Protein backbone atom coordinates (compact mmCIF):
# COMPACT_ATOMS: atom_id res chain seq x y z
CA UNK A 1 35.63 74.21 126.85
CA UNK A 2 32.20 73.80 126.96
CA UNK A 3 31.67 77.10 128.86
CA UNK A 4 33.65 78.84 126.55
CA UNK A 5 30.91 77.19 123.78
CA UNK A 6 28.28 78.80 125.81
CA UNK A 7 29.30 82.03 126.04
CA UNK A 8 30.30 82.02 122.60
CA UNK A 9 26.72 81.13 121.74
CA UNK A 10 25.47 83.56 124.22
CA UNK A 11 27.39 86.43 122.79
CA UNK A 12 25.92 85.84 119.58
CA UNK A 13 22.29 85.90 120.23
CA UNK A 14 23.24 88.86 122.27
CA UNK A 15 24.43 90.68 119.31
CA UNK A 16 22.40 89.00 116.59
CA UNK A 17 18.96 88.71 118.64
CA UNK A 18 18.55 84.97 117.07
CA UNK A 19 19.78 81.61 117.49
CA UNK A 20 20.88 78.89 115.28
CA UNK A 21 18.40 76.59 116.55
CA UNK A 22 16.07 76.68 113.36
CA UNK A 23 19.00 75.16 111.29
CA UNK A 24 19.88 71.07 111.32
CA UNK A 25 22.46 69.55 113.50
CA UNK A 26 25.56 68.70 111.12
CA UNK A 27 26.81 64.62 110.96
CA UNK A 28 30.02 63.85 112.38
CA UNK A 29 31.51 63.61 108.54
CA UNK A 30 30.80 67.46 107.74
CA UNK A 31 32.10 68.55 111.28
CA UNK A 32 35.43 66.54 109.98
CA UNK A 33 35.85 68.43 107.19
CA UNK A 34 34.90 72.14 108.36
CA UNK A 35 37.38 71.64 111.36
CA UNK A 36 40.96 73.44 111.17
CA UNK A 37 43.43 75.16 112.50
CA UNK A 38 46.47 75.53 113.51
CA UNK A 39 49.34 75.14 116.66
CA UNK A 40 51.08 77.91 118.30
CA UNK A 41 54.86 77.51 119.74
CA UNK A 42 53.52 77.07 123.30
CA UNK A 43 51.50 74.70 122.31
CA UNK A 44 48.23 76.22 122.45
CA UNK A 45 46.18 74.80 119.60
CA UNK A 46 43.69 76.84 117.41
CA UNK A 47 41.07 75.83 115.23
CA UNK A 48 39.73 78.09 112.54
CA UNK A 49 36.02 77.83 110.58
CA UNK A 50 34.22 79.72 108.72
CA UNK A 51 30.50 78.70 107.57
CA UNK A 52 28.21 80.88 105.38
CA UNK A 53 24.82 80.39 105.39
CA UNK A 54 22.47 82.45 102.22
CA UNK A 55 18.42 82.54 102.05
CA UNK A 56 16.73 84.00 99.66
CA UNK A 57 13.08 84.56 100.61
CA UNK A 58 13.22 82.78 103.63
CA UNK A 59 14.30 79.62 102.14
CA UNK A 60 18.31 78.01 103.08
CA UNK A 61 19.81 77.59 99.55
CA UNK A 62 23.81 77.58 100.00
CA UNK A 63 26.14 76.60 103.17
CA UNK A 64 29.67 76.87 102.52
CA UNK A 65 32.54 76.32 104.99
CA UNK A 66 36.09 77.50 104.77
CA UNK A 67 38.48 75.80 107.18
CA UNK A 68 42.13 76.60 107.74
CA UNK A 69 44.21 73.42 108.56
CA UNK A 70 47.19 73.05 110.88
CA UNK A 71 49.41 73.08 107.71
CA UNK A 72 47.57 76.72 106.95
CA UNK A 73 45.82 75.12 103.83
CA UNK A 74 42.72 76.35 103.34
CA UNK A 75 40.03 74.09 102.40
CA UNK A 76 36.12 74.98 100.85
CA UNK A 77 33.31 73.28 100.11
CA UNK A 78 29.97 74.56 99.56
CA UNK A 79 26.61 72.72 98.75
CA UNK A 80 23.07 73.68 97.36
CA UNK A 81 20.40 73.14 100.03
CA UNK A 82 17.08 71.90 99.52
CA UNK A 83 15.49 74.94 99.04
CA UNK A 84 17.30 76.04 96.69
CA UNK A 85 15.84 76.69 92.93
CA UNK A 86 16.34 73.62 90.08
CA UNK A 87 18.19 76.34 87.68
CA UNK A 88 20.67 77.13 90.44
CA UNK A 89 24.41 76.25 89.80
CA UNK A 90 27.28 76.02 92.20
CA UNK A 91 30.49 76.46 91.39
CA UNK A 92 33.34 76.05 93.35
CA UNK A 93 37.48 76.14 92.95
CA UNK A 94 40.25 76.98 94.94
CA UNK A 95 39.20 80.61 96.31
CA UNK A 96 35.83 81.10 95.48
CA UNK A 97 32.20 79.83 95.48
CA UNK A 98 29.43 80.84 93.03
CA UNK A 99 26.10 80.14 93.22
CA UNK A 100 23.81 81.02 90.78
CA UNK A 101 20.05 81.49 89.87
CA UNK A 102 17.30 83.16 87.99
CA UNK A 103 17.48 86.82 89.09
CA UNK A 104 20.39 86.56 91.59
CA UNK A 105 24.15 85.16 92.20
CA UNK A 106 26.16 84.89 95.40
CA UNK A 107 29.71 85.12 94.83
CA UNK A 108 32.27 84.40 97.55
CA UNK A 109 35.78 85.12 97.50
CA UNK A 110 38.55 83.55 99.95
CA UNK A 111 42.12 84.70 99.42
CA UNK A 112 43.79 87.55 101.38
CA UNK A 113 40.46 88.08 102.60
CA UNK A 114 37.26 87.11 102.49
CA UNK A 115 34.49 88.64 101.07
CA UNK A 116 30.75 88.43 99.72
CA UNK A 117 29.49 89.77 96.96
CA UNK A 118 25.45 89.43 95.99
CA UNK A 119 23.97 90.65 92.50
CA UNK A 120 20.65 90.43 92.52
CA UNK A 121 18.43 91.87 89.39
CA UNK A 122 15.25 90.68 90.45
CA UNK A 123 12.54 92.86 92.97
CA UNK A 124 10.30 91.53 95.60
CA UNK A 125 13.41 89.40 96.84
CA UNK A 126 14.53 88.74 100.42
CA UNK A 127 18.36 88.00 100.13
CA UNK A 128 20.02 87.10 103.98
CA UNK A 129 23.73 86.49 104.00
CA UNK A 130 24.97 85.12 107.47
CA UNK A 131 28.40 84.26 108.58
CA UNK A 132 29.87 82.14 111.33
CA UNK A 133 33.36 82.28 112.43
CA UNK A 134 34.42 79.61 115.06
CA UNK A 135 37.77 79.59 117.11
CA UNK A 136 38.39 76.96 119.18
CA UNK A 137 41.29 76.70 121.96
CA UNK A 138 42.61 73.41 122.89
CA UNK A 139 45.69 72.83 125.01
CA UNK A 140 45.22 75.87 127.13
CA UNK A 141 45.55 76.05 130.97
CA UNK A 142 44.90 79.49 132.63
CA UNK A 143 48.98 79.82 132.97
CA UNK A 144 49.62 79.28 129.16
CA UNK A 145 47.63 82.65 128.45
CA UNK A 146 49.35 85.08 131.17
CA UNK A 147 46.32 87.61 132.42
CA UNK A 148 43.87 87.17 130.15
CA UNK A 149 43.64 83.13 130.53
CA UNK A 150 42.02 84.13 134.19
CA UNK A 151 40.09 87.01 132.96
CA UNK A 152 38.49 84.32 130.60
CA UNK A 153 37.90 82.07 133.16
CA UNK A 154 36.44 84.56 135.52
CA UNK A 155 34.15 85.64 132.33
CA UNK A 156 33.07 81.77 131.48
CA UNK A 157 32.35 81.28 135.43
CA UNK A 158 29.88 84.36 135.57
CA UNK A 159 28.29 83.48 132.87
CA UNK A 160 28.08 79.74 133.72
CA UNK A 161 26.34 81.67 136.73
CA UNK A 162 23.96 83.39 135.23
CA UNK A 163 22.24 80.86 133.07
CA UNK A 164 22.03 78.24 135.83
């Protein structure tokens, strides 16, 4: 499993050209709230979590998390970060996270689809939205995934060999 996580991190860095090393580690209680997923009929466990971070003028202002529980229920949580202006407001309901600050607003909608809308009415402001989808496979052996399992095994071994 660690090899698969290392592969995911390597792919993320290769695609985006940046790592998340500058972000602070999450506490155990924060991680527990982010985990979710479901179990397939063959016993494979699939965990899903989506974390979205928003920055304004190079300051982290908002972090939101969406998880899918084994029951299929979707949970949403969000928090204003230390870089958020004092006037900023945060509203969360069953399908929406809305962050509003002077001159701009960010709305994230989670339902049949997931999307983010940024409203900006100010000049010379840098806004950045980053979303990280984490898919975790558990209770997997190469036989349970057919030909794909062997291919994933070879790929993770190759990546591990390169990183050593």
